[in-house]
Amino acid sequence: MYTVKEAAIRTGLSEHAVRFYTDKGLVPSVRRSENNIRLFDEEAINWLYGIKCLKRSGLAIESIKTYVDLCLEGDATVPQRYEMMQAYRDAALVQLEEAKQRVAHMEQKIVHYQAVLESGIPDATNPASWDTARATSGSGS
């Protein structure tokens, strides 16, 4: 059995998050000691990992709670949970594509700045140089 602190270390969550998720009813297998201290077994740790994954995918606590409640209802809710996971996965794939686009943009900037540093070419991203560039190119805008 693990304490809140140990559960936090094992999952990479903060102690506050572990307590918060527990208080929201998202970790149904958490137990309490005779002194009312939260105790986490491997199943509870797995719930915390799942919550962390869903939360990082952008899901609201209410949606995660709905999923947990469906899990607790049993096998009859497997079709609903299946559909939920498909939708969550699809949303995560969109986020992944957006992240790839952001990384590609940053890579382009890094290449540009590396060229500025190594070749001494002017930094075209510096707004102070834009008026100079317009004046020398003859364009008014």
N, C-alpha and C. Protein backbone atom coordinates (compact mmCIF):
# COMPACT_ATOMS: atom_id res chain seq x y z
N MET A 1 0.85 -1.18 0.00
CA MET A 1 0.00 0.00 0.00
C MET A 1 0.89 1.24 0.00
N TYR A 2 0.42 2.26 -0.67
CA TYR A 2 1.19 3.49 -0.82
C TYR A 2 0.45 4.66 -0.19
N THR A 3 1.20 5.59 0.36
CA THR A 3 0.62 6.83 0.89
C THR A 3 0.39 7.79 -0.28
N VAL A 4 -0.22 8.92 0.00
CA VAL A 4 -0.42 9.95 -1.03
C VAL A 4 0.92 10.35 -1.63
N LYS A 5 1.90 10.58 -0.79
CA LYS A 5 3.22 10.98 -1.27
C LYS A 5 3.83 9.91 -2.17
N GLU A 6 3.76 8.68 -1.76
CA GLU A 6 4.31 7.58 -2.56
C GLU A 6 3.54 7.40 -3.86
N ALA A 7 2.23 7.54 -3.81
CA ALA A 7 1.41 7.44 -5.03
C ALA A 7 1.77 8.57 -5.99
N ALA A 8 2.00 9.75 -5.46
CA ALA A 8 2.38 10.89 -6.29
C ALA A 8 3.72 10.61 -6.98
N ILE A 9 4.67 10.09 -6.24
CA ILE A 9 5.98 9.78 -6.82
C ILE A 9 5.86 8.72 -7.90
N ARG A 10 5.09 7.68 -7.63
CA ARG A 10 4.94 6.58 -8.59
C ARG A 10 4.24 7.00 -9.87
N THR A 11 3.32 7.97 -9.78
CA THR A 11 2.54 8.37 -10.95
C THR A 11 3.04 9.63 -11.63
N GLY A 12 3.90 10.37 -10.94
CA GLY A 12 4.35 11.65 -11.51
C GLY A 12 3.34 12.76 -11.32
N LEU A 13 2.36 12.53 -10.48
CA LEU A 13 1.37 13.56 -10.16
C LEU A 13 1.81 14.30 -8.91
N SER A 14 1.26 15.46 -8.67
CA SER A 14 1.52 16.14 -7.41
C SER A 14 0.67 15.50 -6.32
N GLU A 15 1.08 15.68 -5.09
CA GLU A 15 0.28 15.17 -3.98
C GLU A 15 -1.10 15.83 -3.98
N HIS A 16 -1.13 17.10 -4.32
CA HIS A 16 -2.41 17.82 -4.39
C HIS A 16 -3.33 17.16 -5.42
N ALA A 17 -2.78 16.83 -6.61
CA ALA A 17 -3.59 16.19 -7.65
C ALA A 17 -4.10 14.84 -7.18
N VAL A 18 -3.26 14.07 -6.52
CA VAL A 18 -3.69 12.75 -6.02
C VAL A 18 -4.86 12.91 -5.05
N ARG A 19 -4.74 13.85 -4.13
CA ARG A 19 -5.83 14.09 -3.18
C ARG A 19 -7.09 14.59 -3.90
N PHE A 20 -6.90 15.51 -4.83
CA PHE A 20 -8.03 16.08 -5.57
C PHE A 20 -8.79 15.00 -6.33
N TYR A 21 -8.05 14.16 -7.08
CA TYR A 21 -8.70 13.10 -7.85
C TYR A 21 -9.41 12.11 -6.94
N THR A 22 -8.81 11.84 -5.80
CA THR A 22 -9.44 10.94 -4.83
C THR A 22 -10.73 11.55 -4.29
N ASP A 23 -10.66 12.83 -3.93
CA ASP A 23 -11.84 13.51 -3.39
C ASP A 23 -12.97 13.61 -4.41
N LYS A 24 -12.62 13.66 -5.70
CA LYS A 24 -13.63 13.74 -6.75
C LYS A 24 -14.23 12.37 -7.10
N GLY A 25 -13.76 11.34 -6.44
CA GLY A 25 -14.30 10.00 -6.68
C GLY A 25 -13.74 9.34 -7.93
N LEU A 26 -12.57 9.76 -8.37
CA LEU A 26 -12.00 9.21 -9.59
C LEU A 26 -11.12 7.99 -9.34
N VAL A 27 -10.86 7.68 -8.09
CA VAL A 27 -10.03 6.53 -7.74
C VAL A 27 -10.85 5.63 -6.81
N PRO A 28 -11.73 4.81 -7.40
CA PRO A 28 -12.66 4.04 -6.57
C PRO A 28 -12.00 2.99 -5.68
N SER A 29 -10.79 2.57 -6.01
CA SER A 29 -10.17 1.51 -5.22
C SER A 29 -9.29 2.05 -4.08
N VAL A 30 -9.26 3.37 -3.88
CA VAL A 30 -8.47 3.91 -2.78
C VAL A 30 -9.09 3.46 -1.46
N ARG A 31 -8.24 3.18 -0.52
CA ARG A 31 -8.71 2.74 0.80
C ARG A 31 -8.32 3.78 1.83
N ARG A 32 -8.86 3.64 3.01
CA ARG A 32 -8.52 4.53 4.12
C ARG A 32 -8.06 3.69 5.30
N SER A 33 -7.03 4.20 5.98
CA SER A 33 -6.55 3.51 7.19
C SER A 33 -7.49 3.83 8.34
N GLU A 34 -7.22 3.22 9.51
CA GLU A 34 -8.04 3.50 10.69
C GLU A 34 -7.93 4.98 11.10
N ASN A 35 -6.86 5.65 10.65
CA ASN A 35 -6.69 7.09 10.93
C ASN A 35 -7.18 7.97 9.77
N ASN A 36 -7.92 7.35 8.84
CA ASN A 36 -8.50 8.03 7.69
C ASN A 36 -7.44 8.53 6.69
N ILE A 37 -6.30 7.89 6.68
CA ILE A 37 -5.24 8.23 5.73
C ILE A 37 -5.49 7.43 4.45
N ARG A 38 -5.38 8.11 3.31
CA ARG A 38 -5.57 7.44 2.03
C ARG A 38 -4.45 6.42 1.81
N LEU A 39 -4.84 5.23 1.32
CA LEU A 39 -3.88 4.18 0.99
C LEU A 39 -4.17 3.69 -0.42
N PHE A 40 -3.13 3.58 -1.22
CA PHE A 40 -3.27 3.23 -2.63
C PHE A 40 -2.60 1.89 -2.90
N ASP A 41 -3.36 0.97 -3.50
CA ASP A 41 -2.78 -0.29 -3.94
C ASP A 41 -2.44 -0.15 -5.43
N GLU A 42 -1.98 -1.23 -6.05
CA GLU A 42 -1.60 -1.16 -7.47
C GLU A 42 -2.79 -0.78 -8.36
N GLU A 43 -3.97 -1.25 -8.01
CA GLU A 43 -5.16 -0.90 -8.79
C GLU A 43 -5.40 0.61 -8.71
N ALA A 44 -5.27 1.18 -7.54
CA ALA A 44 -5.46 2.63 -7.38
C ALA A 44 -4.40 3.40 -8.15
N ILE A 45 -3.18 2.89 -8.15
CA ILE A 45 -2.11 3.53 -8.93
C ILE A 45 -2.47 3.50 -10.41
N ASN A 46 -3.01 2.38 -10.89
CA ASN A 46 -3.44 2.29 -12.29
C ASN A 46 -4.55 3.28 -12.60
N TRP A 47 -5.48 3.45 -11.68
CA TRP A 47 -6.53 4.47 -11.87
C TRP A 47 -5.89 5.85 -12.00
N LEU A 48 -4.93 6.15 -11.15
CA LEU A 48 -4.26 7.46 -11.21
C LEU A 48 -3.54 7.67 -12.54
N TYR A 49 -2.86 6.63 -13.04
CA TYR A 49 -2.22 6.72 -14.35
C TYR A 49 -3.26 7.02 -15.43
N GLY A 50 -4.38 6.31 -15.39
CA GLY A 50 -5.44 6.52 -16.37
C GLY A 50 -5.99 7.93 -16.32
N ILE A 51 -6.20 8.42 -15.11
CA ILE A 51 -6.71 9.79 -14.94
C ILE A 51 -5.70 10.79 -15.50
N LYS A 52 -4.44 10.58 -15.19
CA LYS A 52 -3.38 11.46 -15.67
C LYS A 52 -3.39 11.51 -17.20
N CYS A 53 -3.50 10.35 -17.82
CA CYS A 53 -3.53 10.27 -19.28
C CYS A 53 -4.73 11.02 -19.85
N LEU A 54 -5.90 10.75 -19.31
CA LEU A 54 -7.12 11.40 -19.81
C LEU A 54 -7.07 12.91 -19.57
N LYS A 55 -6.58 13.32 -18.42
CA LYS A 55 -6.50 14.74 -18.10
C LYS A 55 -5.55 15.45 -19.05
N ARG A 56 -4.40 14.83 -19.31
CA ARG A 56 -3.43 15.42 -20.23
C ARG A 56 -3.93 15.43 -21.66
N SER A 57 -4.93 14.63 -21.95
CA SER A 57 -5.54 14.64 -23.28
C SER A 57 -6.58 15.74 -23.40
N GLY A 58 -6.78 16.46 -22.31
CA GLY A 58 -7.70 17.60 -22.35
C GLY A 58 -9.08 17.32 -21.80
N LEU A 59 -9.30 16.15 -21.24
CA LEU A 59 -10.62 15.83 -20.72
C LEU A 59 -10.90 16.58 -19.42
N ALA A 60 -12.13 17.00 -19.29
CA ALA A 60 -12.58 17.65 -18.07
C ALA A 60 -12.79 16.59 -16.98
N ILE A 61 -12.67 17.02 -15.75
CA ILE A 61 -12.87 16.11 -14.62
C ILE A 61 -14.24 15.44 -14.71
N GLU A 62 -15.26 16.17 -15.13
CA GLU A 62 -16.61 15.61 -15.22
C GLU A 62 -16.66 14.45 -16.22
N SER A 63 -15.95 14.59 -17.33
CA SER A 63 -15.91 13.52 -18.33
C SER A 63 -15.19 12.29 -17.78
N ILE A 64 -14.11 12.53 -17.06
CA ILE A 64 -13.37 11.42 -16.46
C ILE A 64 -14.25 10.73 -15.42
N LYS A 65 -14.99 11.51 -14.65
CA LYS A 65 -15.89 10.95 -13.64
C LYS A 65 -16.96 10.09 -14.31
N THR A 66 -17.49 10.55 -15.43
CA THR A 66 -18.47 9.76 -16.18
C THR A 66 -17.87 8.42 -16.58
N TYR A 67 -16.64 8.47 -17.08
CA TYR A 67 -15.96 7.24 -17.48
C TYR A 67 -15.77 6.30 -16.29
N VAL A 68 -15.31 6.83 -15.17
CA VAL A 68 -15.10 6.02 -13.97
C VAL A 68 -16.42 5.39 -13.52
N ASP A 69 -17.47 6.19 -13.51
CA ASP A 69 -18.78 5.68 -13.11
C ASP A 69 -19.24 4.55 -14.02
N LEU A 70 -19.01 4.70 -15.33
CA LEU A 70 -19.37 3.64 -16.26
C LEU A 70 -18.56 2.38 -15.99
N CYS A 71 -17.29 2.53 -15.69
CA CYS A 71 -16.45 1.37 -15.35
C CYS A 71 -17.04 0.63 -14.15
N LEU A 72 -17.47 1.40 -13.17
CA LEU A 72 -18.00 0.80 -11.95
C LEU A 72 -19.35 0.10 -12.17
N GLU A 73 -20.06 0.53 -13.21
CA GLU A 73 -21.35 -0.11 -13.51
C GLU A 73 -21.17 -1.50 -14.08
N GLY A 74 -20.02 -1.77 -14.67
CA GLY A 74 -19.76 -3.13 -15.14
C GLY A 74 -19.78 -3.30 -16.64
N ASP A 75 -19.82 -4.57 -17.03
CA ASP A 75 -19.68 -4.94 -18.44
C ASP A 75 -20.76 -4.37 -19.36
N ALA A 76 -21.91 -4.08 -18.83
CA ALA A 76 -22.99 -3.55 -19.67
C ALA A 76 -22.63 -2.20 -20.29
N THR A 77 -21.63 -1.52 -19.70
CA THR A 77 -21.25 -0.19 -20.21
C THR A 77 -20.03 -0.23 -21.11
N VAL A 78 -19.53 -1.43 -21.43
CA VAL A 78 -18.35 -1.54 -22.29
C VAL A 78 -18.56 -0.84 -23.63
N PRO A 79 -19.72 -0.98 -24.29
CA PRO A 79 -19.90 -0.27 -25.57
C PRO A 79 -19.76 1.26 -25.42
N GLN A 80 -20.30 1.80 -24.35
CA GLN A 80 -20.19 3.25 -24.12
C GLN A 80 -18.73 3.64 -23.87
N ARG A 81 -18.04 2.85 -23.07
CA ARG A 81 -16.64 3.15 -22.76
C ARG A 81 -15.78 3.01 -24.00
N TYR A 82 -16.09 2.04 -24.83
CA TYR A 82 -15.36 1.84 -26.10
C TYR A 82 -15.50 3.09 -26.97
N GLU A 83 -16.72 3.57 -27.11
CA GLU A 83 -16.96 4.77 -27.92
C GLU A 83 -16.27 5.99 -27.32
N MET A 84 -16.30 6.10 -26.00
CA MET A 84 -15.63 7.22 -25.35
C MET A 84 -14.14 7.19 -25.65
N MET A 85 -13.51 6.03 -25.51
CA MET A 85 -12.07 5.92 -25.74
C MET A 85 -11.72 6.22 -27.19
N GLN A 86 -12.58 5.79 -28.11
CA GLN A 86 -12.33 6.12 -29.52
C GLN A 86 -12.36 7.64 -29.72
N ALA A 87 -13.35 8.30 -29.14
CA ALA A 87 -13.46 9.75 -29.28
C ALA A 87 -12.27 10.45 -28.62
N TYR A 88 -11.86 9.97 -27.45
CA TYR A 88 -10.72 10.57 -26.76
C TYR A 88 -9.44 10.37 -27.57
N ARG A 89 -9.30 9.18 -28.14
CA ARG A 89 -8.13 8.90 -28.98
C ARG A 89 -8.10 9.82 -30.19
N ASP A 90 -9.25 9.98 -30.83
CA ASP A 90 -9.32 10.85 -32.00
C ASP A 90 -8.94 12.29 -31.65
N ALA A 91 -9.41 12.76 -30.52
CA ALA A 91 -9.05 14.11 -30.06
C ALA A 91 -7.55 14.19 -29.78
N ALA A 92 -6.99 13.14 -29.19
CA ALA A 92 -5.55 13.13 -28.90
C ALA A 92 -4.74 13.12 -30.19
N LEU A 93 -5.23 12.42 -31.21
CA LEU A 93 -4.53 12.41 -32.50
C LEU A 93 -4.53 13.79 -33.15
N VAL A 94 -5.62 14.52 -33.01
CA VAL A 94 -5.67 15.90 -33.50
C VAL A 94 -4.64 16.74 -32.76
N GLN A 95 -4.58 16.59 -31.44
CA GLN A 95 -3.59 17.32 -30.64
C GLN A 95 -2.17 16.96 -31.07
N LEU A 96 -1.95 15.70 -31.37
CA LEU A 96 -0.64 15.26 -31.81
C LEU A 96 -0.25 15.93 -33.13
N GLU A 97 -1.16 15.99 -34.06
CA GLU A 97 -0.88 16.65 -35.34
C GLU A 97 -0.59 18.13 -35.14
N GLU A 98 -1.36 18.77 -34.26
CA GLU A 98 -1.12 20.18 -33.97
C GLU A 98 0.25 20.36 -33.33
N ALA A 99 0.63 19.45 -32.45
CA ALA A 99 1.95 19.51 -31.81
C ALA A 99 3.05 19.33 -32.85
N LYS A 100 2.85 18.42 -33.79
CA LYS A 100 3.85 18.22 -34.86
C LYS A 100 4.01 19.49 -35.69
N GLN A 101 2.91 20.18 -35.97
CA GLN A 101 2.99 21.43 -36.72
C GLN A 101 3.73 22.51 -35.94
N ARG A 102 3.51 22.56 -34.62
CA ARG A 102 4.23 23.54 -33.79
C ARG A 102 5.72 23.23 -33.77
N VAL A 103 6.06 21.94 -33.68
CA VAL A 103 7.47 21.55 -33.68
C VAL A 103 8.12 21.91 -35.02
N ALA A 104 7.42 21.66 -36.11
CA ALA A 104 7.95 21.99 -37.44
C ALA A 104 8.21 23.50 -37.55
N HIS A 105 7.30 24.29 -37.03
CA HIS A 105 7.48 25.75 -37.04
C HIS A 105 8.72 26.15 -36.24
N MET A 106 8.86 25.56 -35.06
CA MET A 106 10.03 25.86 -34.23
C MET A 106 11.32 25.41 -34.90
N GLU A 107 11.28 24.26 -35.58
CA GLU A 107 12.47 23.79 -36.30
C GLU A 107 12.88 24.79 -37.37
N GLN A 108 11.91 25.35 -38.08
CA GLN A 108 12.21 26.36 -39.10
C GLN A 108 12.85 27.59 -38.47
N LYS A 109 12.34 28.01 -37.33
CA LYS A 109 12.90 29.16 -36.63
C LYS A 109 14.33 28.87 -36.17
N ILE A 110 14.57 27.66 -35.68
CA ILE A 110 15.91 27.29 -35.23
C ILE A 110 16.89 27.34 -36.39
N VAL A 111 16.49 26.81 -37.55
CA VAL A 111 17.35 26.85 -38.73
C VAL A 111 17.65 28.30 -39.10
N HIS A 112 16.63 29.16 -39.07
CA HIS A 112 16.82 30.57 -39.39
C HIS A 112 17.81 31.23 -38.42
N TYR A 113 17.58 31.04 -37.13
CA TYR A 113 18.44 31.68 -36.14
C TYR A 113 19.87 31.12 -36.18
N GLN A 114 19.99 29.84 -36.52
CA GLN A 114 21.32 29.27 -36.65
C GLN A 114 22.06 29.93 -37.81
N ALA A 115 21.33 30.17 -38.91
CA ALA A 115 21.94 30.85 -40.06
C ALA A 115 22.34 32.28 -39.71
N VAL A 116 21.49 32.97 -38.94
CA VAL A 116 21.82 34.33 -38.50
C VAL A 116 23.09 34.30 -37.66
N LEU A 117 23.16 33.36 -36.73
CA LEU A 117 24.32 33.28 -35.84
C LEU A 117 25.60 32.91 -36.59
N GLU A 118 25.51 31.95 -37.51
CA GLU A 118 26.70 31.45 -38.18
C GLU A 118 27.15 32.30 -39.35
N SER A 119 26.20 32.90 -40.08
CA SER A 119 26.54 33.63 -41.30
C SER A 119 26.51 35.14 -41.13
N GLY A 120 25.95 35.59 -40.05
CA GLY A 120 25.86 37.03 -39.84
C GLY A 120 24.84 37.70 -40.73
N ILE A 121 23.93 36.91 -41.32
CA ILE A 121 22.89 37.53 -42.15
C ILE A 121 21.92 38.29 -41.26
N PRO A 122 21.24 39.30 -41.80
CA PRO A 122 20.29 40.07 -40.98
C PRO A 122 19.13 39.19 -40.52
N ASP A 123 18.63 39.51 -39.36
CA ASP A 123 17.48 38.78 -38.79
C ASP A 123 16.20 39.37 -39.37
N ALA A 124 15.58 38.66 -40.29
CA ALA A 124 14.36 39.14 -40.94
C ALA A 124 13.17 39.11 -40.01
N THR A 125 13.30 38.51 -38.84
CA THR A 125 12.17 38.48 -37.90
C THR A 125 12.20 39.64 -36.93
N ASN A 126 13.20 40.51 -37.06
CA ASN A 126 13.31 41.68 -36.19
C ASN A 126 12.49 42.82 -36.76
N PRO A 127 11.42 43.23 -36.09
CA PRO A 127 10.56 44.31 -36.61
C PRO A 127 11.31 45.62 -36.86
N ALA A 128 12.38 45.85 -36.14
CA ALA A 128 13.14 47.08 -36.32
C ALA A 128 13.77 47.14 -37.71
N SER A 129 14.00 45.99 -38.32
CA SER A 129 14.62 45.96 -39.65
C SER A 129 13.60 45.99 -40.78
N TRP A 130 12.33 45.90 -40.48
CA TRP A 130 11.33 45.84 -41.55
C TRP A 130 11.24 47.13 -42.33
N ASP A 131 11.25 48.28 -41.69
CA ASP A 131 11.16 49.56 -42.40
C ASP A 131 12.37 49.73 -43.31
N THR A 132 13.54 49.31 -42.84
CA THR A 132 14.75 49.40 -43.65
C THR A 132 14.62 48.51 -44.88
N ALA A 133 14.10 47.31 -44.66
CA ALA A 133 13.94 46.36 -45.77
C ALA A 133 12.94 46.89 -46.79
N ARG A 134 11.87 47.50 -46.33
CA ARG A 134 10.86 48.06 -47.25
C ARG A 134 11.44 49.22 -48.03
N ALA A 135 12.20 50.06 -47.35
CA ALA A 135 12.75 51.24 -48.00
C ALA A 135 13.73 50.83 -49.09
N THR A 136 14.52 49.78 -48.83
CA THR A 136 15.51 49.37 -49.84
C THR A 136 14.88 48.54 -50.95
N SER A 137 13.73 47.91 -50.67
CA SER A 137 13.10 47.10 -51.72
C SER A 137 12.18 47.93 -52.60
N GLY A 138 11.87 49.15 -52.18
CA GLY A 138 11.03 50.02 -52.98
C GLY A 138 9.57 49.79 -52.83
N SER A 139 9.16 48.82 -52.01
CA SER A 139 7.74 48.58 -51.81
C SER A 139 7.26 49.39 -50.62
N GLY A 140 6.07 49.88 -50.70
CA GLY A 140 5.52 50.69 -49.64
C GLY A 140 4.83 49.91 -48.55
N SER A 141 4.65 48.60 -48.75
CA SER A 141 3.97 47.83 -47.73
C SER A 141 4.58 46.51 -47.48
